[in-house]
Amino acid sequence: MRSTLLDAQRLHAQFAVQTIQNEITTIKQAVNTQGTTANSLFQVIDAPALLNRPVSRLKLYPTAGGVGLGLSILAYALYIVMLVRRDHAVYTPFDLQKVTTTPVIMQFPQLFSTNCTAVG
């Protein structure tokens, strides 16, 4: 009984080895029929598009710099406009008359920081 089981396992192993050897032989034949050069082993699917003349990237840098400079000047101008528009301070009696209809009776003289420290 034991020898029959061992014989069956031996036959199964021999069959597996024979199958693997057949696969190896088939692959070797396929490689031999194709050849071993790079053109026969690989196929180019999408060939690169070659230009007629070289393209210089040198024009891109001044263009990008000009666009950046223009945008920065525009942003600075908008910043200045926002600062001026947000300034609602009263500087002269005419500004006060624009804000309120109350008449200006008296105006303080312009005080400098040196005068303020001497008074206080």
PDB file of N, CA and C in Angstrom:
ATOM      1  N   MET A   1       0.807  -1.176   0.000  1.00  0.00           N
ATOM      2  CA  MET A   1       0.000   0.000   0.000  1.00  0.00           C
ATOM      3  C   MET A   1       0.868   1.264   0.000  1.00  0.00           C
ATOM      4  N   ARG A   2       1.902   1.198   0.849  1.00  0.00           N
ATOM      5  CA  ARG A   2       2.776   2.349   0.962  1.00  0.00           C
ATOM      6  C   ARG A   2       3.562   2.562  -0.326  1.00  0.00           C
ATOM      7  N   SER A   3       4.014   1.492  -0.964  1.00  0.00           N
ATOM      8  CA  SER A   3       4.772   1.607  -2.204  1.00  0.00           C
ATOM      9  C   SER A   3       3.902   2.147  -3.340  1.00  0.00           C
ATOM     10  N   THR A   4       2.629   1.830  -3.348  1.00  0.00           N
ATOM     11  CA  THR A   4       1.723   2.346  -4.371  1.00  0.00           C
ATOM     12  C   THR A   4       1.553   3.851  -4.230  1.00  0.00           C
ATOM     13  N   LEU A   5       1.445   4.298  -2.994  1.00  0.00           N
ATOM     14  CA  LEU A   5       1.295   5.733  -2.736  1.00  0.00           C
ATOM     15  C   LEU A   5       2.555   6.488  -3.144  1.00  0.00           C
ATOM     16  N   LEU A   6       3.718   5.909  -2.827  1.00  0.00           N
ATOM     17  CA  LEU A   6       4.981   6.541  -3.219  1.00  0.00           C
ATOM     18  C   LEU A   6       5.139   6.549  -4.736  1.00  0.00           C
ATOM     19  N   ASP A   7       4.724   5.505  -5.387  1.00  0.00           N
ATOM     20  CA  ASP A   7       4.813   5.439  -6.845  1.00  0.00           C
ATOM     21  C   ASP A   7       3.906   6.485  -7.490  1.00  0.00           C
ATOM     22  N   ALA A   8       2.712   6.674  -6.932  1.00  0.00           N
ATOM     23  CA  ALA A   8       1.794   7.689  -7.468  1.00  0.00           C
ATOM     24  C   ALA A   8       2.373   9.090  -7.292  1.00  0.00           C
ATOM     25  N   GLN A   9       2.997   9.347  -6.163  1.00  0.00           N
ATOM     26  CA  GLN A   9       3.614  10.654  -5.938  1.00  0.00           C
ATOM     27  C   GLN A   9       4.794  10.868  -6.885  1.00  0.00           C
ATOM     28  N   ARG A  10       5.566   9.797  -7.146  1.00  0.00           N
ATOM     29  CA  ARG A  10       6.685   9.897  -8.085  1.00  0.00           C
ATOM     30  C   ARG A  10       6.198  10.221  -9.485  1.00  0.00           C
ATOM     31  N   LEU A  11       5.134   9.559  -9.899  1.00  0.00           N
ATOM     32  CA  LEU A  11       4.579   9.821 -11.239  1.00  0.00           C
ATOM     33  C   LEU A  11       4.035  11.249 -11.347  1.00  0.00           C
ATOM     34  N   HIS A  12       3.402  11.698 -10.291  1.00  0.00           N
ATOM     35  CA  HIS A  12       2.863  13.072 -10.281  1.00  0.00           C
ATOM     36  C   HIS A  12       4.002  14.097 -10.365  1.00  0.00           C
ATOM     37  N   ALA A  13       5.097  13.873  -9.636  1.00  0.00           N
ATOM     38  CA  ALA A  13       6.240  14.771  -9.673  1.00  0.00           C
ATOM     39  C   ALA A  13       6.900  14.749 -11.042  1.00  0.00           C
ATOM     40  N   GLN A  14       7.032  13.568 -11.655  1.00  0.00           N
ATOM     41  CA  GLN A  14       7.611  13.479 -12.996  1.00  0.00           C
ATOM     42  C   GLN A  14       6.750  14.232 -14.008  1.00  0.00           C
ATOM     43  N   PHE A  15       5.422  14.134 -13.878  1.00  0.00           N
ATOM     44  CA  PHE A  15       4.522  14.845 -14.776  1.00  0.00           C
ATOM     45  C   PHE A  15       4.678  16.357 -14.618  1.00  0.00           C
ATOM     46  N   ALA A  16       4.819  16.824 -13.368  1.00  0.00           N
ATOM     47  CA  ALA A  16       4.993  18.255 -13.122  1.00  0.00           C
ATOM     48  C   ALA A  16       6.305  18.748 -13.721  1.00  0.00           C
ATOM     49  N   VAL A  17       7.371  17.966 -13.567  1.00  0.00           N
ATOM     50  CA  VAL A  17       8.669  18.341 -14.130  1.00  0.00           C
ATOM     51  C   VAL A  17       8.592  18.367 -15.651  1.00  0.00           C
ATOM     52  N   GLN A  18       7.931  17.382 -16.242  1.00  0.00           N
ATOM     53  CA  GLN A  18       7.783  17.322 -17.700  1.00  0.00           C
ATOM     54  C   GLN A  18       6.993  18.528 -18.212  1.00  0.00           C
ATOM     55  N   THR A  19       5.946  18.918 -17.485  1.00  0.00           N
ATOM     56  CA  THR A  19       5.143  20.079 -17.876  1.00  0.00           C
ATOM     57  C   THR A  19       5.988  21.350 -17.836  1.00  0.00           C
ATOM     58  N   ILE A  20       6.788  21.518 -16.802  1.00  0.00           N
ATOM     59  CA  ILE A  20       7.647  22.700 -16.686  1.00  0.00           C
ATOM     60  C   ILE A  20       8.693  22.716 -17.789  1.00  0.00           C
ATOM     61  N   GLN A  21       9.266  21.565 -18.114  1.00  0.00           N
ATOM     62  CA  GLN A  21      10.249  21.503 -19.194  1.00  0.00           C
ATOM     63  C   GLN A  21       9.615  21.845 -20.533  1.00  0.00           C
ATOM     64  N   ASN A  22       8.387  21.410 -20.757  1.00  0.00           N
ATOM     65  CA  ASN A  22       7.680  21.751 -21.997  1.00  0.00           C
ATOM     66  C   ASN A  22       7.437  23.267 -22.080  1.00  0.00           C
ATOM     67  N   GLU A  23       7.066  23.879 -20.965  1.00  0.00           N
ATOM     68  CA  GLU A  23       6.849  25.338 -20.931  1.00  0.00           C
ATOM     69  C   GLU A  23       8.144  26.073 -21.260  1.00  0.00           C
ATOM     70  N   ILE A  24       9.254  25.627 -20.685  1.00  0.00           N
ATOM     71  CA  ILE A  24      10.552  26.262 -20.946  1.00  0.00           C
ATOM     72  C   ILE A  24      10.923  26.138 -22.418  1.00  0.00           C
ATOM     73  N   THR A  25      10.703  24.977 -22.987  1.00  0.00           N
ATOM     74  CA  THR A  25      11.002  24.753 -24.404  1.00  0.00           C
ATOM     75  C   THR A  25      10.146  25.654 -25.285  1.00  0.00           C
ATOM     76  N   THR A  26       8.871  25.785 -24.955  1.00  0.00           N
ATOM     77  CA  THR A  26       7.974  26.645 -25.732  1.00  0.00           C
ATOM     78  C   THR A  26       8.424  28.099 -25.672  1.00  0.00           C
ATOM     79  N   ILE A  27       8.818  28.562 -24.504  1.00  0.00           N
ATOM     80  CA  ILE A  27       9.273  29.959 -24.353  1.00  0.00           C
ATOM     81  C   ILE A  27      10.568  30.183 -25.117  1.00  0.00           C
ATOM     82  N   LYS A  28      11.496  29.225 -25.064  1.00  0.00           N
ATOM     83  CA  LYS A  28      12.746  29.352 -25.812  1.00  0.00           C
ATOM     84  C   LYS A  28      12.483  29.427 -27.310  1.00  0.00           C
ATOM     85  N   GLN A  29      11.545  28.622 -27.808  1.00  0.00           N
ATOM     86  CA  GLN A  29      11.212  28.659 -29.233  1.00  0.00           C
ATOM     87  C   GLN A  29      10.595  30.000 -29.615  1.00  0.00           C
ATOM     88  N   ALA A  30       9.752  30.545 -28.746  1.00  0.00           N
ATOM     89  CA  ALA A  30       9.138  31.845 -29.032  1.00  0.00           C
ATOM     90  C   ALA A  30      10.184  32.957 -29.080  1.00  0.00           C
ATOM     91  N   VAL A  31      11.148  32.923 -28.178  1.00  0.00           N
ATOM     92  CA  VAL A  31      12.219  33.936 -28.173  1.00  0.00           C
ATOM     93  C   VAL A  31      13.084  33.786 -29.413  1.00  0.00           C
ATOM     94  N   ASN A  32      13.377  32.560 -29.817  1.00  0.00           N
ATOM     95  CA  ASN A  32      14.199  32.335 -31.007  1.00  0.00           C
ATOM     96  C   ASN A  32      13.498  32.798 -32.276  1.00  0.00           C
ATOM     97  N   THR A  33      12.191  32.637 -32.348  1.00  0.00           N
ATOM     98  CA  THR A  33      11.481  33.067 -33.560  1.00  0.00           C
ATOM     99  C   THR A  33      11.378  34.590 -33.621  1.00  0.00           C
ATOM    100  N   GLN A  34      11.319  35.245 -32.474  1.00  0.00           N
ATOM    101  CA  GLN A  34      11.240  36.710 -32.485  1.00  0.00           C
ATOM    102  C   GLN A  34      12.586  37.348 -32.764  1.00  0.00           C
ATOM    103  N   GLY A  35      13.631  36.759 -32.321  1.00  0.00           N
ATOM    104  CA  GLY A  35      14.957  37.367 -32.434  1.00  0.00           C
ATOM    105  C   GLY A  35      15.320  38.011 -31.109  1.00  0.00           C
ATOM    106  N   THR A  36      16.557  38.469 -31.013  1.00  0.00           N
ATOM    107  CA  THR A  36      17.026  39.028 -29.750  1.00  0.00           C
ATOM    108  C   THR A  36      17.432  40.489 -29.872  1.00  0.00           C
ATOM    109  N   THR A  37      17.106  41.146 -30.964  1.00  0.00           N
ATOM    110  CA  THR A  37      17.434  42.571 -31.085  1.00  0.00           C
ATOM    111  C   THR A  37      16.373  43.395 -30.361  1.00  0.00           C
ATOM    112  N   ALA A  38      16.722  44.664 -30.061  1.00  0.00           N
ATOM    113  CA  ALA A  38      15.799  45.534 -29.329  1.00  0.00           C
ATOM    114  C   ALA A  38      14.538  45.821 -30.141  1.00  0.00           C
ATOM    115  N   ASN A  39      14.686  45.909 -31.464  1.00  0.00           N
ATOM    116  CA  ASN A  39      13.517  46.187 -32.299  1.00  0.00           C
ATOM    117  C   ASN A  39      12.540  45.027 -32.336  1.00  0.00           C
ATOM    118  N   SER A  40      13.041  43.810 -32.158  1.00  0.00           N
ATOM    119  CA  SER A  40      12.141  42.666 -32.214  1.00  0.00           C
ATOM    120  C   SER A  40      11.518  42.368 -30.854  1.00  0.00           C
ATOM    121  N   LEU A  41      12.184  42.761 -29.755  1.00  0.00           N
ATOM    122  CA  LEU A  41      11.639  42.486 -28.430  1.00  0.00           C
ATOM    123  C   LEU A  41      10.637  43.541 -27.969  1.00  0.00           C
ATOM    124  N   PHE A  42      10.830  44.787 -28.406  1.00  0.00           N
ATOM    125  CA  PHE A  42       9.969  45.877 -27.945  1.00  0.00           C
ATOM    126  C   PHE A  42       9.315  46.566 -29.122  1.00  0.00           C
ATOM    127  N   GLN A  43       8.140  47.113 -28.877  1.00  0.00           N
ATOM    128  CA  GLN A  43       7.407  47.806 -29.922  1.00  0.00           C
ATOM    129  C   GLN A  43       7.060  49.204 -29.430  1.00  0.00           C
ATOM    130  N   VAL A  44       7.332  50.225 -30.241  1.00  0.00           N
ATOM    131  CA  VAL A  44       7.026  51.608 -29.885  1.00  0.00           C
ATOM    132  C   VAL A  44       5.557  51.858 -30.174  1.00  0.00           C
ATOM    133  N   ILE A  45       4.822  52.250 -29.132  1.00  0.00           N
ATOM    134  CA  ILE A  45       3.386  52.473 -29.299  1.00  0.00           C
ATOM    135  C   ILE A  45       3.097  53.892 -29.759  1.00  0.00           C
ATOM    136  N   ASP A  46       3.698  54.881 -29.087  1.00  0.00           N
ATOM    137  CA  ASP A  46       3.481  56.270 -29.488  1.00  0.00           C
ATOM    138  C   ASP A  46       4.840  56.927 -29.689  1.00  0.00           C
ATOM    139  N   ALA A  47       5.194  57.109 -30.930  1.00  0.00           N
ATOM    140  CA  ALA A  47       6.499  57.673 -31.267  1.00  0.00           C
ATOM    141  C   ALA A  47       6.544  59.147 -30.862  1.00  0.00           C
ATOM    142  N   PRO A  48       7.701  59.643 -30.415  1.00  0.00           N
ATOM    143  CA  PRO A  48       7.792  61.050 -30.016  1.00  0.00           C
ATOM    144  C   PRO A  48       7.694  61.969 -31.223  1.00  0.00           C
ATOM    145  N   ALA A  49       7.079  63.131 -30.994  1.00  0.00           N
ATOM    146  CA  ALA A  49       6.957  64.123 -32.066  1.00  0.00           C
ATOM    147  C   ALA A  49       8.205  65.001 -32.036  1.00  0.00           C
ATOM    148  N   LEU A  50       8.952  65.001 -33.112  1.00  0.00           N
ATOM    149  CA  LEU A  50      10.165  65.796 -33.194  1.00  0.00           C
ATOM    150  C   LEU A  50       9.864  67.113 -33.881  1.00  0.00           C
ATOM    151  N   LEU A  51      10.398  68.210 -33.324  1.00  0.00           N
ATOM    152  CA  LEU A  51      10.176  69.528 -33.902  1.00  0.00           C
ATOM    153  C   LEU A  51      11.194  69.795 -35.005  1.00  0.00           C
ATOM    154  N   ASN A  52      10.840  70.691 -35.921  1.00  0.00           N
ATOM    155  CA  ASN A  52      11.745  71.022 -37.025  1.00  0.00           C
ATOM    156  C   ASN A  52      12.924  71.855 -36.555  1.00  0.00           C
ATOM    157  N   ARG A  53      12.686  72.723 -35.547  1.00  0.00           N
ATOM    158  CA  ARG A  53      13.763  73.560 -35.028  1.00  0.00           C
ATOM    159  C   ARG A  53      13.668  73.581 -33.505  1.00  0.00           C
ATOM    160  N   PRO A  54      14.765  73.859 -32.831  1.00  0.00           N
ATOM    161  CA  PRO A  54      14.738  73.841 -31.368  1.00  0.00           C
ATOM    162  C   PRO A  54      13.906  74.991 -30.796  1.00  0.00           C
ATOM    163  N   VAL A  55      13.317  74.756 -29.651  1.00  0.00           N
ATOM    164  CA  VAL A  55      12.489  75.753 -28.984  1.00  0.00           C
ATOM    165  C   VAL A  55      13.273  76.327 -27.817  1.00  0.00           C
ATOM    166  N   SER A  56      13.399  77.638 -27.795  1.00  0.00           N
ATOM    167  CA  SER A  56      14.135  78.296 -26.727  1.00  0.00           C
ATOM    168  C   SER A  56      13.172  78.693 -25.611  1.00  0.00           C
ATOM    169  N   ARG A  57      13.570  78.424 -24.391  1.00  0.00           N
ATOM    170  CA  ARG A  57      12.767  78.816 -23.233  1.00  0.00           C
ATOM    171  C   ARG A  57      13.189  80.198 -22.729  1.00  0.00           C
ATOM    172  N   LEU A  58      14.133  80.836 -23.407  1.00  0.00           N
ATOM    173  CA  LEU A  58      14.666  82.117 -22.976  1.00  0.00           C
ATOM    174  C   LEU A  58      13.619  83.219 -23.038  1.00  0.00           C
ATOM    175  N   LYS A  59      12.652  83.116 -23.944  1.00  0.00           N
ATOM    176  CA  LYS A  59      11.599  84.128 -24.043  1.00  0.00           C
ATOM    177  C   LYS A  59      10.606  84.023 -22.891  1.00  0.00           C
ATOM    178  N   LEU A  60      10.536  82.874 -22.287  1.00  0.00           N
ATOM    179  CA  LEU A  60       9.571  82.650 -21.216  1.00  0.00           C
ATOM    180  C   LEU A  60       9.926  83.438 -19.963  1.00  0.00           C
ATOM    181  N   TYR A  61      11.210  83.556 -19.635  1.00  0.00           N
ATOM    182  CA  TYR A  61      11.615  84.231 -18.402  1.00  0.00           C
ATOM    183  C   TYR A  61      11.279  85.721 -18.401  1.00  0.00           C
ATOM    184  N   PRO A  62      11.621  86.498 -19.447  1.00  0.00           N
ATOM    185  CA  PRO A  62      11.224  87.912 -19.429  1.00  0.00           C
ATOM    186  C   PRO A  62       9.712  88.097 -19.469  1.00  0.00           C
ATOM    187  N   THR A  63       9.021  87.215 -20.159  1.00  0.00           N
ATOM    188  CA  THR A  63       7.560  87.324 -20.215  1.00  0.00           C
ATOM    189  C   THR A  63       6.962  87.082 -18.833  1.00  0.00           C
ATOM    190  N   ALA A  64       7.415  86.048 -18.158  1.00  0.00           N
ATOM    191  CA  ALA A  64       6.912  85.759 -16.812  1.00  0.00           C
ATOM    192  C   ALA A  64       7.301  86.869 -15.846  1.00  0.00           C
ATOM    193  N   GLY A  65       8.502  87.414 -15.986  1.00  0.00           N
ATOM    194  CA  GLY A  65       8.919  88.532 -15.142  1.00  0.00           C
ATOM    195  C   GLY A  65       8.072  89.767 -15.373  1.00  0.00           C
ATOM    196  N   GLY A  66       7.755  90.049 -16.625  1.00  0.00           N
ATOM    197  CA  GLY A  66       6.909  91.197 -16.937  1.00  0.00           C
ATOM    198  C   GLY A  66       5.505  91.036 -16.393  1.00  0.00           C
ATOM    199  N   VAL A  67       4.970  89.842 -16.514  1.00  0.00           N
ATOM    200  CA  VAL A  67       3.627  89.580 -15.970  1.00  0.00           C
ATOM    201  C   VAL A  67       3.644  89.725 -14.450  1.00  0.00           C
ATOM    202  N   GLY A  68       4.678  89.190 -13.806  1.00  0.00           N
ATOM    203  CA  GLY A  68       4.789  89.307 -12.352  1.00  0.00           C
ATOM    204  C   GLY A  68       4.944  90.750 -11.910  1.00  0.00           C
ATOM    205  N   LEU A  69       5.759  91.524 -12.625  1.00  0.00           N
ATOM    206  CA  LEU A  69       5.938  92.935 -12.298  1.00  0.00           C
ATOM    207  C   LEU A  69       4.641  93.697 -12.493  1.00  0.00           C
ATOM    208  N   GLY A  70       3.936  93.436 -13.587  1.00  0.00           N
ATOM    209  CA  GLY A  70       2.655  94.109 -13.828  1.00  0.00           C
ATOM    210  C   GLY A  70       1.629  93.796 -12.742  1.00  0.00           C
ATOM    211  N   LEU A  71       1.561  92.524 -12.354  1.00  0.00           N
ATOM    212  CA  LEU A  71       0.617  92.150 -11.296  1.00  0.00           C
ATOM    213  C   LEU A  71       0.989  92.783  -9.962  1.00  0.00           C
ATOM    214  N   SER A  72       2.280  92.871  -9.671  1.00  0.00           N
ATOM    215  CA  SER A  72       2.677  93.479  -8.400  1.00  0.00           C
ATOM    216  C   SER A  72       2.387  94.978  -8.395  1.00  0.00           C
ATOM    217  N   ILE A  73       2.591  95.663  -9.512  1.00  0.00           N
ATOM    218  CA  ILE A  73       2.264  97.094  -9.586  1.00  0.00           C
ATOM    219  C   ILE A  73       0.757  97.287  -9.448  1.00  0.00           C
ATOM    220  N   LEU A  74      -0.019  96.442 -10.089  1.00  0.00           N
ATOM    221  CA  LEU A  74      -1.476  96.533  -9.970  1.00  0.00           C
ATOM    222  C   LEU A  74      -1.929  96.279  -8.537  1.00  0.00           C
ATOM    223  N   ALA A  75      -1.341  95.286  -7.885  1.00  0.00           N
ATOM    224  CA  ALA A  75      -1.709  95.001  -6.493  1.00  0.00           C
ATOM    225  C   ALA A  75      -1.326  96.156  -5.582  1.00  0.00           C
ATOM    226  N   TYR A  76      -0.167  96.779  -5.811  1.00  0.00           N
ATOM    227  CA  TYR A  76       0.253  97.911  -4.991  1.00  0.00           C
ATOM    228  C   TYR A  76      -0.674  99.100  -5.222  1.00  0.00           C
ATOM    229  N   ALA A  77      -1.077  99.337  -6.467  1.00  0.00           N
ATOM    230  CA  ALA A  77      -1.998 100.446  -6.753  1.00  0.00           C
ATOM    231  C   ALA A  77      -3.344 100.211  -6.072  1.00  0.00           C
ATOM    232  N   LEU A  78      -3.841  98.989  -6.120  1.00  0.00           N
ATOM    233  CA  LEU A  78      -5.100  98.681  -5.442  1.00  0.00           C
ATOM    234  C   LEU A  78      -4.970  98.846  -3.930  1.00  0.00           C
ATOM    235  N   TYR A  79      -3.820  98.517  -3.385  1.00  0.00           N
ATOM    236  CA  TYR A  79      -3.578  98.682  -1.956  1.00  0.00           C
ATOM    237  C   TYR A  79      -3.605 100.165  -1.580  1.00  0.00           C
ATOM    238  N   ILE A  80      -2.969 100.991  -2.383  1.00  0.00           N
ATOM    239  CA  ILE A  80      -2.971 102.434  -2.123  1.00  0.00           C
ATOM    240  C   ILE A  80      -4.389 102.990  -2.214  1.00  0.00           C
ATOM    241  N   VAL A  81      -5.135 102.566  -3.221  1.00  0.00           N
ATOM    242  CA  VAL A  81      -6.522 103.039  -3.367  1.00  0.00           C
ATOM    243  C   VAL A  81      -7.347 102.620  -2.160  1.00  0.00           C
ATOM    244  N   MET A  82      -7.154 101.402  -1.682  1.00  0.00           N
ATOM    245  CA  MET A  82      -7.906 100.957  -0.501  1.00  0.00           C
ATOM    246  C   MET A  82      -7.525 101.771   0.728  1.00  0.00           C
ATOM    247  N   LEU A  83      -6.251 102.099   0.868  1.00  0.00           N
ATOM    248  CA  LEU A  83      -5.839 102.903   2.018  1.00  0.00           C
ATOM    249  C   LEU A  83      -6.447 104.299   1.969  1.00  0.00           C
ATOM    250  N   VAL A  84      -6.464 104.893   0.796  1.00  0.00           N
ATOM    251  CA  VAL A  84      -7.010 106.245   0.658  1.00  0.00           C
ATOM    252  C   VAL A  84      -8.522 106.227   0.864  1.00  0.00           C
ATOM    253  N   ARG A  85      -9.187 105.212   0.340  1.00  0.00           N
ATOM    254  CA  ARG A  85     -10.649 105.156   0.467  1.00  0.00           C
ATOM    255  C   ARG A  85     -11.086 104.887   1.904  1.00  0.00           C
ATOM    256  N   ARG A  86     -10.277 104.188   2.679  1.00  0.00           N
ATOM    257  CA  ARG A  86     -10.646 103.861   4.053  1.00  0.00           C
ATOM    258  C   ARG A  86     -10.325 104.994   5.015  1.00  0.00           C
ATOM    259  N   ASP A  87      -9.570 105.989   4.558  1.00  0.00           N
ATOM    260  CA  ASP A  87      -9.168 107.088   5.427  1.00  0.00           C
ATOM    261  C   ASP A  87     -10.329 108.068   5.569  1.00  0.00           C
ATOM    262  N   HIS A  88     -11.003 108.043   6.716  1.00  0.00           N
ATOM    263  CA  HIS A  88     -12.140 108.924   6.959  1.00  0.00           C
ATOM    264  C   HIS A  88     -11.800 109.981   8.016  1.00  0.00           C
ATOM    265  N   ALA A  89     -10.533 110.263   8.187  1.00  0.00           N
ATOM    266  CA  ALA A  89     -10.115 111.234   9.197  1.00  0.00           C
ATOM    267  C   ALA A  89     -10.456 112.656   8.740  1.00  0.00           C
ATOM    268  N   VAL A  90     -10.609 113.535   9.708  1.00  0.00           N
ATOM    269  CA  VAL A  90     -10.899 114.951   9.438  1.00  0.00           C
ATOM    270  C   VAL A  90      -9.602 115.716   9.634  1.00  0.00           C
ATOM    271  N   TYR A  91      -9.109 116.336   8.557  1.00  0.00           N
ATOM    272  CA  TYR A  91      -7.833 117.036   8.617  1.00  0.00           C
ATOM    273  C   TYR A  91      -8.013 118.555   8.620  1.00  0.00           C
ATOM    274  N   THR A  92      -8.979 119.062   7.932  1.00  0.00           N
ATOM    275  CA  THR A  92      -9.180 120.522   7.825  1.00  0.00           C
ATOM    276  C   THR A  92     -10.613 120.863   8.202  1.00  0.00           C
ATOM    277  N   PRO A  93     -10.881 122.158   8.437  1.00  0.00           N
ATOM    278  CA  PRO A  93     -12.277 122.550   8.704  1.00  0.00           C
ATOM    279  C   PRO A  93     -13.212 122.232   7.541  1.00  0.00           C
ATOM    280  N   PHE A  94     -12.681 122.214   6.333  1.00  0.00           N
ATOM    281  CA  PHE A  94     -13.522 121.875   5.179  1.00  0.00           C
ATOM    282  C   PHE A  94     -13.942 120.408   5.232  1.00  0.00           C
ATOM    283  N   ASP A  95     -13.025 119.540   5.697  1.00  0.00           N
ATOM    284  CA  ASP A  95     -13.380 118.125   5.879  1.00  0.00           C
ATOM    285  C   ASP A  95     -14.467 117.978   6.929  1.00  0.00           C
ATOM    286  N   LEU A  96     -14.390 118.785   7.981  1.00  0.00           N
ATOM    287  CA  LEU A  96     -15.399 118.736   9.033  1.00  0.00           C
ATOM    288  C   LEU A  96     -16.755 119.192   8.507  1.00  0.00           C
ATOM    289  N   GLN A  97     -16.756 120.183   7.649  1.00  0.00           N
ATOM    290  CA  GLN A  97     -18.018 120.656   7.079  1.00  0.00           C
ATOM    291  C   GLN A  97     -18.631 119.608   6.150  1.00  0.00           C
ATOM    292  N   LYS A  98     -17.798 118.781   5.536  1.00  0.00           N
ATOM    293  CA  LYS A  98     -18.324 117.700   4.702  1.00  0.00           C
ATOM    294  C   LYS A  98     -18.993 116.626   5.556  1.00  0.00           C
ATOM    295  N   VAL A  99     -18.462 116.400   6.750  1.00  0.00           N
ATOM    296  CA  VAL A  99     -18.963 115.338   7.603  1.00  0.00           C
ATOM    297  C   VAL A  99     -20.226 115.768   8.343  1.00  0.00           C
ATOM    298  N   THR A 100     -20.248 116.982   8.872  1.00  0.00           N
ATOM    299  CA  THR A 100     -21.389 117.433   9.672  1.00  0.00           C
ATOM    300  C   THR A 100     -21.786 118.851   9.281  1.00  0.00           C
ATOM    301  N   THR A 101     -22.987 119.212   9.606  1.00  0.00           N
ATOM    302  CA  THR A 101     -23.471 120.567   9.271  1.00  0.00           C
ATOM    303  C   THR A 101     -23.219 121.544  10.406  1.00  0.00           C
ATOM    304  N   THR A 102     -22.641 121.078  11.491  1.00  0.00           N
ATOM    305  CA  THR A 102     -22.355 121.962  12.626  1.00  0.00           C
ATOM    306  C   THR A 102     -21.256 122.937  12.229  1.00  0.00           C
ATOM    307  N   PRO A 103     -21.411 124.224  12.504  1.00  0.00           N
ATOM    308  CA  PRO A 103     -20.379 125.195  12.118  1.00  0.00           C
ATOM    309  C   PRO A 103     -19.130 125.053  12.994  1.00  0.00           C
ATOM    310  N   VAL A 104     -17.997 125.399  12.419  1.00  0.00           N
ATOM    311  CA  VAL A 104     -16.729 125.362  13.135  1.00  0.00           C
ATOM    312  C   VAL A 104     -16.568 126.679  13.867  1.00  0.00           C
ATOM    313  N   ILE A 105     -16.505 126.644  15.193  1.00  0.00           N
ATOM    314  CA  ILE A 105     -16.398 127.865  15.986  1.00  0.00           C
ATOM    315  C   ILE A 105     -14.933 128.179  16.268  1.00  0.00           C
ATOM    316  N   MET A 106     -14.169 127.176  16.607  1.00  0.00           N
ATOM    317  CA  MET A 106     -12.791 127.398  16.985  1.00  0.00           C
ATOM    318  C   MET A 106     -11.942 126.232  16.487  1.00  0.00           C
ATOM    319  N   GLN A 107     -10.670 126.518  16.225  1.00  0.00           N
ATOM    320  CA  GLN A 107      -9.764 125.487  15.734  1.00  0.00           C
ATOM    321  C   GLN A 107      -8.522 125.503  16.607  1.00  0.00           C
ATOM    322  N   PHE A 108      -8.069 124.324  17.048  1.00  0.00           N
ATOM    323  CA  PHE A 108      -6.846 124.233  17.839  1.00  0.00           C
ATOM    324  C   PHE A 108      -5.643 124.461  16.950  1.00  0.00           C
ATOM    325  N   PRO A 109      -4.614 125.045  17.476  1.00  0.00           N
ATOM    326  CA  PRO A 109      -3.392 125.181  16.673  1.00  0.00           C
ATOM    327  C   PRO A 109      -2.740 123.819  16.507  1.00  0.00           C
ATOM    328  N   GLN A 110      -1.924 123.691  15.484  1.00  0.00           N
ATOM    329  CA  GLN A 110      -1.272 122.412  15.215  1.00  0.00           C
ATOM    330  C   GLN A 110      -0.239 122.156  16.303  1.00  0.00           C
ATOM    331  N   LEU A 111      -0.373 121.037  16.990  1.00  0.00           N
ATOM    332  CA  LEU A 111       0.516 120.696  18.084  1.00  0.00           C
ATOM    333  C   LEU A 111       1.527 119.663  17.614  1.00  0.00           C
ATOM    334  N   PHE A 112       2.776 119.893  17.969  1.00  0.00           N
ATOM    335  CA  PHE A 112       3.835 118.954  17.635  1.00  0.00           C
ATOM    336  C   PHE A 112       4.177 118.150  18.882  1.00  0.00           C
ATOM    337  N   SER A 113       4.886 117.085  18.745  1.00  0.00           N
ATOM    338  CA  SER A 113       5.188 116.222  19.887  1.00  0.00           C
ATOM    339  C   SER A 113       6.066 116.940  20.914  1.00  0.00           C
ATOM    340  N   THR A 114       6.923 117.866  20.508  1.00  0.00           N
ATOM    341  CA  THR A 114       7.765 118.600  21.465  1.00  0.00           C
ATOM    342  C   THR A 114       6.919 119.509  22.335  1.00  0.00           C
ATOM    343  N   ASN A 115       5.878 120.123  21.753  1.00  0.00           N
ATOM    344  CA  ASN A 115       4.990 120.982  22.534  1.00  0.00           C
ATOM    345  C   ASN A 115       4.169 120.166  23.512  1.00  0.00           C
ATOM    346  N   CYS A 116       3.757 118.969  23.128  1.00  0.00           N
ATOM    347  CA  CYS A 116       2.915 118.143  23.983  1.00  0.00           C
ATOM    348  C   CYS A 116       3.690 117.681  25.208  1.00  0.00           C
ATOM    349  N   THR A 117       4.967 117.359  25.060  1.00  0.00           N
ATOM    350  CA  THR A 117       5.744 116.897  26.228  1.00  0.00           C
ATOM    351  C   THR A 117       6.059 118.066  27.144  1.00  0.00           C
ATOM    352  N   ALA A 118       6.214 119.267  26.583  1.00  0.00           N
ATOM    353  CA  ALA A 118       6.506 120.432  27.461  1.00  0.00           C
ATOM    354  C   ALA A 118       5.278 120.809  28.264  1.00  0.00           C
ATOM    355  N   VAL A 119       4.081 120.660  27.688  1.00  0.00           N
ATOM    356  CA  VAL A 119       2.850 121.008  28.391  1.00  0.00           C
ATOM    357  C   VAL A 119       2.546 119.970  29.459  1.00  0.00           C
ATOM    358  N   GLY A 120       2.688 118.715  29.133  1.00  0.00           N
ATOM    359  CA  GLY A 120       2.279 117.628  30.015  1.00  0.00           C
ATOM    360  C   GLY A 120       3.322 117.317  30.997  1.00  0.00           C
TER     361      GLY A 120
END
